[in-house]
Amino acid sequence: MNKIIVYGIPNCDTIKKTLDWYKNKNIGVEFVDFKKSGITKEKLGYWSKKVGYEILLNKKSTTWRSLETATQQKIINEEAAIQLMLEYTSIIKRPVIEINDNVIVGFNETYFTKQ
């Protein structure tokens, strides 16, 4: 049986959609609210190695857009991106889903249905 962990924040519409999708399919998941529980540098590093920091960093987020241009321009590598995501968890693209050793970022119903 697959162990599925969904990371995000509960008031995010995409998180709600993701959790509802799993619930409607009668698939149990563990939800981790990283606004409350925080997220570790190690976890962000693991995700980044799996999918790339460019995928994790949500440049469409309100938080990203509100950052000073100079701060945005400092994100030139994984280490800089992880430091920024630790400081501003709202710029982590949601959801981040761990299914066993796989990491999926974002909700894509077509992809989920094929799994």
N, C-alpha and C. Protein backbone atom coordinates (compact mmCIF):
# COMPACT_ATOMS: atom_id res chain seq x y z
N MET A 1 0.84 -1.19 0.00
CA MET A 1 0.00 0.00 0.00
C MET A 1 0.88 1.25 0.00
N ASN A 2 0.49 2.22 -0.79
CA ASN A 2 1.24 3.46 -0.88
C ASN A 2 1.01 4.34 0.33
N LYS A 3 2.08 4.92 0.85
CA LYS A 3 1.95 5.93 1.89
C LYS A 3 1.95 7.28 1.19
N ILE A 4 0.88 8.04 1.40
CA ILE A 4 0.73 9.32 0.72
C ILE A 4 0.70 10.43 1.77
N ILE A 5 1.61 11.39 1.61
CA ILE A 5 1.65 12.54 2.49
C ILE A 5 1.48 13.79 1.63
N VAL A 6 0.50 14.61 1.99
CA VAL A 6 0.23 15.86 1.28
C VAL A 6 0.70 17.01 2.17
N TYR A 7 1.59 17.84 1.64
CA TYR A 7 2.11 19.00 2.36
C TYR A 7 1.51 20.26 1.78
N GLY A 8 1.15 21.19 2.66
CA GLY A 8 0.62 22.46 2.20
C GLY A 8 0.04 23.25 3.34
N ILE A 9 -0.88 24.14 3.02
CA ILE A 9 -1.59 24.92 4.02
C ILE A 9 -3.09 24.74 3.79
N PRO A 10 -3.86 24.58 4.88
CA PRO A 10 -5.26 24.16 4.73
C PRO A 10 -6.17 25.16 4.02
N ASN A 11 -5.85 26.44 4.04
CA ASN A 11 -6.75 27.41 3.40
C ASN A 11 -6.46 27.61 1.92
N CYS A 12 -5.51 26.86 1.37
CA CYS A 12 -5.17 26.94 -0.05
C CYS A 12 -6.20 26.16 -0.87
N ASP A 13 -6.75 26.79 -1.90
CA ASP A 13 -7.77 26.14 -2.73
C ASP A 13 -7.24 24.88 -3.40
N THR A 14 -5.99 24.90 -3.82
CA THR A 14 -5.42 23.72 -4.48
C THR A 14 -5.26 22.57 -3.49
N ILE A 15 -4.93 22.89 -2.25
CA ILE A 15 -4.84 21.85 -1.21
C ILE A 15 -6.22 21.27 -0.97
N LYS A 16 -7.22 22.13 -0.86
CA LYS A 16 -8.59 21.64 -0.65
C LYS A 16 -9.01 20.72 -1.79
N LYS A 17 -8.71 21.12 -3.02
CA LYS A 17 -9.06 20.32 -4.19
C LYS A 17 -8.34 18.96 -4.15
N THR A 18 -7.07 18.98 -3.77
CA THR A 18 -6.28 17.75 -3.69
C THR A 18 -6.84 16.81 -2.63
N LEU A 19 -7.08 17.33 -1.44
CA LEU A 19 -7.59 16.50 -0.35
C LEU A 19 -8.98 15.96 -0.68
N ASP A 20 -9.82 16.79 -1.31
CA ASP A 20 -11.15 16.33 -1.74
C ASP A 20 -11.03 15.21 -2.77
N TRP A 21 -10.09 15.35 -3.70
CA TRP A 21 -9.91 14.33 -4.74
C TRP A 21 -9.57 12.99 -4.09
N TYR A 22 -8.63 12.98 -3.17
CA TYR A 22 -8.27 11.74 -2.48
C TYR A 22 -9.44 11.20 -1.67
N LYS A 23 -10.15 12.08 -0.98
CA LYS A 23 -11.30 11.65 -0.17
C LYS A 23 -12.37 11.01 -1.05
N ASN A 24 -12.67 11.62 -2.19
CA ASN A 24 -13.68 11.08 -3.11
C ASN A 24 -13.28 9.74 -3.70
N LYS A 25 -11.98 9.47 -3.74
CA LYS A 25 -11.47 8.18 -4.24
C LYS A 25 -11.27 7.18 -3.09
N ASN A 26 -11.68 7.58 -1.88
CA ASN A 26 -11.50 6.74 -0.68
C ASN A 26 -10.05 6.34 -0.47
N ILE A 27 -9.15 7.30 -0.70
CA ILE A 27 -7.72 7.07 -0.50
C ILE A 27 -7.30 7.90 0.71
N GLY A 28 -6.79 7.22 1.71
CA GLY A 28 -6.34 7.90 2.92
C GLY A 28 -4.99 8.56 2.72
N VAL A 29 -4.88 9.79 3.20
CA VAL A 29 -3.62 10.52 3.11
C VAL A 29 -3.33 11.16 4.46
N GLU A 30 -2.07 11.43 4.68
CA GLU A 30 -1.65 12.22 5.84
C GLU A 30 -1.45 13.65 5.34
N PHE A 31 -2.00 14.62 6.06
CA PHE A 31 -1.82 16.02 5.67
C PHE A 31 -0.88 16.70 6.65
N VAL A 32 0.11 17.40 6.12
CA VAL A 32 1.06 18.16 6.94
C VAL A 32 0.92 19.63 6.59
N ASP A 33 0.48 20.41 7.56
CA ASP A 33 0.34 21.86 7.41
C ASP A 33 1.70 22.49 7.72
N PHE A 34 2.45 22.87 6.68
CA PHE A 34 3.78 23.37 6.95
C PHE A 34 3.80 24.82 7.43
N LYS A 35 2.64 25.48 7.44
CA LYS A 35 2.57 26.79 8.08
C LYS A 35 2.64 26.62 9.59
N LYS A 36 1.96 25.59 10.10
CA LYS A 36 1.93 25.34 11.54
C LYS A 36 3.15 24.56 12.01
N SER A 37 3.45 23.47 11.32
CA SER A 37 4.52 22.58 11.78
C SER A 37 5.89 22.98 11.26
N GLY A 38 5.92 23.88 10.29
CA GLY A 38 7.19 24.27 9.70
C GLY A 38 7.67 23.24 8.69
N ILE A 39 8.77 23.55 8.07
CA ILE A 39 9.36 22.64 7.09
C ILE A 39 10.87 22.73 7.30
N THR A 40 11.53 21.62 7.16
CA THR A 40 12.97 21.61 7.43
C THR A 40 13.78 21.86 6.15
N LYS A 41 14.97 22.31 6.36
CA LYS A 41 15.91 22.50 5.25
C LYS A 41 16.16 21.16 4.57
N GLU A 42 16.23 20.09 5.37
CA GLU A 42 16.47 18.76 4.83
C GLU A 42 15.32 18.31 3.93
N LYS A 43 14.10 18.57 4.36
CA LYS A 43 12.93 18.18 3.57
C LYS A 43 12.91 18.95 2.25
N LEU A 44 13.15 20.25 2.32
CA LEU A 44 13.19 21.05 1.09
C LEU A 44 14.31 20.58 0.17
N GLY A 45 15.43 20.21 0.75
CA GLY A 45 16.54 19.68 -0.05
C GLY A 45 16.18 18.37 -0.73
N TYR A 46 15.47 17.51 0.00
CA TYR A 46 15.02 16.22 -0.55
C TYR A 46 14.09 16.47 -1.74
N TRP A 47 13.09 17.33 -1.53
CA TRP A 47 12.15 17.63 -2.61
C TRP A 47 12.87 18.24 -3.81
N SER A 48 13.79 19.15 -3.52
CA SER A 48 14.53 19.82 -4.59
C SER A 48 15.35 18.82 -5.41
N LYS A 49 15.93 17.85 -4.75
CA LYS A 49 16.70 16.82 -5.46
C LYS A 49 15.77 15.98 -6.34
N LYS A 50 14.54 15.77 -5.88
CA LYS A 50 13.58 14.95 -6.63
C LYS A 50 12.98 15.68 -7.83
N VAL A 51 12.62 16.96 -7.64
CA VAL A 51 11.88 17.66 -8.70
C VAL A 51 12.56 18.93 -9.20
N GLY A 52 13.56 19.41 -8.49
CA GLY A 52 14.22 20.66 -8.86
C GLY A 52 13.64 21.85 -8.12
N TYR A 53 14.51 22.72 -7.65
CA TYR A 53 14.03 23.87 -6.88
C TYR A 53 13.17 24.80 -7.74
N GLU A 54 13.40 24.80 -9.05
CA GLU A 54 12.62 25.67 -9.93
C GLU A 54 11.14 25.28 -9.93
N ILE A 55 10.86 23.99 -9.75
CA ILE A 55 9.48 23.51 -9.68
C ILE A 55 8.86 23.86 -8.33
N LEU A 56 9.64 23.73 -7.26
CA LEU A 56 9.14 24.00 -5.90
C LEU A 56 8.84 25.47 -5.66
N LEU A 57 9.62 26.33 -6.25
CA LEU A 57 9.50 27.76 -6.01
C LEU A 57 8.37 28.34 -6.87
N ASN A 58 7.32 28.79 -6.22
CA ASN A 58 6.14 29.29 -6.93
C ASN A 58 6.29 30.78 -7.22
N LYS A 59 6.76 31.07 -8.41
CA LYS A 59 6.97 32.46 -8.80
C LYS A 59 5.68 33.17 -9.18
N LYS A 60 4.57 32.45 -9.17
CA LYS A 60 3.27 33.06 -9.43
C LYS A 60 2.57 33.47 -8.14
N SER A 61 3.15 33.09 -7.00
CA SER A 61 2.50 33.36 -5.71
C SER A 61 2.51 34.85 -5.39
N THR A 62 1.54 35.25 -4.61
CA THR A 62 1.46 36.64 -4.15
C THR A 62 2.70 37.00 -3.35
N THR A 63 3.16 36.07 -2.52
CA THR A 63 4.34 36.34 -1.70
C THR A 63 5.56 36.60 -2.57
N TRP A 64 5.77 35.76 -3.59
CA TRP A 64 6.91 35.96 -4.49
C TRP A 64 6.82 37.32 -5.17
N ARG A 65 5.65 37.65 -5.67
CA ARG A 65 5.48 38.91 -6.39
C ARG A 65 5.68 40.13 -5.48
N SER A 66 5.44 39.94 -4.18
CA SER A 66 5.60 41.06 -3.24
C SER A 66 7.05 41.25 -2.78
N LEU A 67 7.92 40.29 -3.09
CA LEU A 67 9.33 40.42 -2.72
C LEU A 67 10.01 41.49 -3.57
N GLU A 68 11.00 42.12 -2.99
CA GLU A 68 11.78 43.09 -3.75
C GLU A 68 12.50 42.38 -4.89
N THR A 69 12.65 43.07 -5.99
CA THR A 69 13.32 42.51 -7.17
C THR A 69 14.72 42.01 -6.81
N ALA A 70 15.41 42.75 -5.96
CA ALA A 70 16.77 42.34 -5.56
C ALA A 70 16.75 40.99 -4.86
N THR A 71 15.75 40.75 -4.03
CA THR A 71 15.62 39.46 -3.34
C THR A 71 15.34 38.35 -4.35
N GLN A 72 14.43 38.61 -5.28
CA GLN A 72 14.12 37.62 -6.31
C GLN A 72 15.35 37.27 -7.14
N GLN A 73 16.14 38.26 -7.46
CA GLN A 73 17.31 38.04 -8.32
C GLN A 73 18.42 37.26 -7.62
N LYS A 74 18.37 37.15 -6.30
CA LYS A 74 19.37 36.39 -5.55
C LYS A 74 19.14 34.88 -5.65
N ILE A 75 17.99 34.48 -6.17
CA ILE A 75 17.67 33.05 -6.26
C ILE A 75 18.29 32.49 -7.53
N ILE A 76 19.56 32.17 -7.42
CA ILE A 76 20.31 31.70 -8.59
C ILE A 76 20.71 30.23 -8.48
N ASN A 77 20.42 29.62 -7.31
CA ASN A 77 20.77 28.21 -7.14
C ASN A 77 19.88 27.57 -6.09
N GLU A 78 20.04 26.28 -5.91
CA GLU A 78 19.21 25.52 -4.98
C GLU A 78 19.34 26.04 -3.55
N GLU A 79 20.55 26.30 -3.12
CA GLU A 79 20.76 26.75 -1.74
C GLU A 79 20.02 28.05 -1.45
N ALA A 80 20.11 29.01 -2.35
CA ALA A 80 19.43 30.29 -2.18
C ALA A 80 17.91 30.11 -2.19
N ALA A 81 17.42 29.25 -3.07
CA ALA A 81 15.98 29.00 -3.14
C ALA A 81 15.48 28.35 -1.85
N ILE A 82 16.21 27.38 -1.34
CA ILE A 82 15.80 26.70 -0.11
C ILE A 82 15.77 27.69 1.06
N GLN A 83 16.79 28.54 1.16
CA GLN A 83 16.81 29.54 2.24
C GLN A 83 15.58 30.44 2.17
N LEU A 84 15.23 30.86 0.96
CA LEU A 84 14.06 31.73 0.80
C LEU A 84 12.77 30.98 1.14
N MET A 85 12.66 29.72 0.73
CA MET A 85 11.47 28.93 1.03
C MET A 85 11.34 28.67 2.53
N LEU A 86 12.46 28.55 3.23
CA LEU A 86 12.42 28.40 4.69
C LEU A 86 11.87 29.67 5.34
N GLU A 87 12.25 30.80 4.79
CA GLU A 87 11.81 32.08 5.34
C GLU A 87 10.37 32.40 4.97
N TYR A 88 9.98 32.06 3.74
CA TYR A 88 8.63 32.35 3.23
C TYR A 88 8.01 31.06 2.71
N THR A 89 7.39 30.29 3.60
CA THR A 89 6.82 29.00 3.17
C THR A 89 5.70 29.18 2.15
N SER A 90 5.13 30.37 2.06
CA SER A 90 4.05 30.62 1.09
C SER A 90 4.53 30.57 -0.35
N ILE A 91 5.84 30.60 -0.58
CA ILE A 91 6.32 30.54 -1.96
C ILE A 91 6.63 29.11 -2.40
N ILE A 92 6.33 28.15 -1.54
CA ILE A 92 6.46 26.74 -1.94
C ILE A 92 5.21 26.38 -2.73
N LYS A 93 5.38 25.89 -3.94
CA LYS A 93 4.23 25.49 -4.76
C LYS A 93 3.50 24.37 -4.06
N ARG A 94 2.18 24.45 -4.09
CA ARG A 94 1.36 23.47 -3.37
C ARG A 94 0.41 22.76 -4.33
N PRO A 95 0.07 21.54 -3.95
CA PRO A 95 0.62 20.74 -2.85
C PRO A 95 1.95 20.11 -3.24
N VAL A 96 2.69 19.70 -2.22
CA VAL A 96 3.82 18.80 -2.43
C VAL A 96 3.34 17.46 -1.89
N ILE A 97 3.38 16.45 -2.73
CA ILE A 97 2.85 15.13 -2.36
C ILE A 97 3.97 14.11 -2.43
N GLU A 98 4.14 13.40 -1.33
CA GLU A 98 5.08 12.29 -1.31
C GLU A 98 4.28 11.00 -1.39
N ILE A 99 4.58 10.20 -2.40
CA ILE A 99 3.98 8.87 -2.53
C ILE A 99 5.15 7.90 -2.54
N ASN A 100 5.33 7.25 -1.40
CA ASN A 100 6.51 6.41 -1.19
C ASN A 100 7.76 7.25 -1.43
N ASP A 101 8.57 6.92 -2.42
CA ASP A 101 9.80 7.68 -2.70
C ASP A 101 9.63 8.72 -3.80
N ASN A 102 8.42 8.89 -4.29
CA ASN A 102 8.16 9.86 -5.36
C ASN A 102 7.66 11.18 -4.78
N VAL A 103 7.97 12.26 -5.47
CA VAL A 103 7.50 13.59 -5.07
C VAL A 103 6.79 14.22 -6.26
N ILE A 104 5.57 14.69 -6.00
CA ILE A 104 4.76 15.36 -7.02
C ILE A 104 4.46 16.76 -6.50
N VAL A 105 4.60 17.75 -7.36
CA VAL A 105 4.32 19.13 -6.96
C VAL A 105 3.17 19.65 -7.82
N GLY A 106 2.14 20.16 -7.15
CA GLY A 106 0.98 20.68 -7.85
C GLY A 106 -0.10 19.61 -8.00
N PHE A 107 -1.30 20.06 -8.30
CA PHE A 107 -2.42 19.14 -8.48
C PHE A 107 -2.73 19.04 -9.96
N ASN A 108 -2.73 17.81 -10.46
CA ASN A 108 -3.05 17.53 -11.85
C ASN A 108 -3.94 16.30 -11.87
N GLU A 109 -5.24 16.52 -12.00
CA GLU A 109 -6.21 15.42 -11.91
C GLU A 109 -5.94 14.34 -12.94
N THR A 110 -5.57 14.71 -14.14
CA THR A 110 -5.28 13.72 -15.19
C THR A 110 -4.13 12.82 -14.76
N TYR A 111 -3.07 13.42 -14.23
CA TYR A 111 -1.92 12.65 -13.77
C TYR A 111 -2.32 11.75 -12.61
N PHE A 112 -3.07 12.30 -11.66
CA PHE A 112 -3.48 11.53 -10.49
C PHE A 112 -4.32 10.32 -10.89
N THR A 113 -5.21 10.51 -11.84
CA THR A 113 -6.10 9.43 -12.27
C THR A 113 -5.31 8.28 -12.87
N LYS A 114 -4.20 8.57 -13.52
CA LYS A 114 -3.37 7.52 -14.13
C LYS A 114 -2.59 6.72 -13.11
N GLN A 115 -2.43 7.25 -11.91
CA GLN A 115 -1.63 6.58 -10.88
C GLN A 115 -2.38 5.44 -10.23
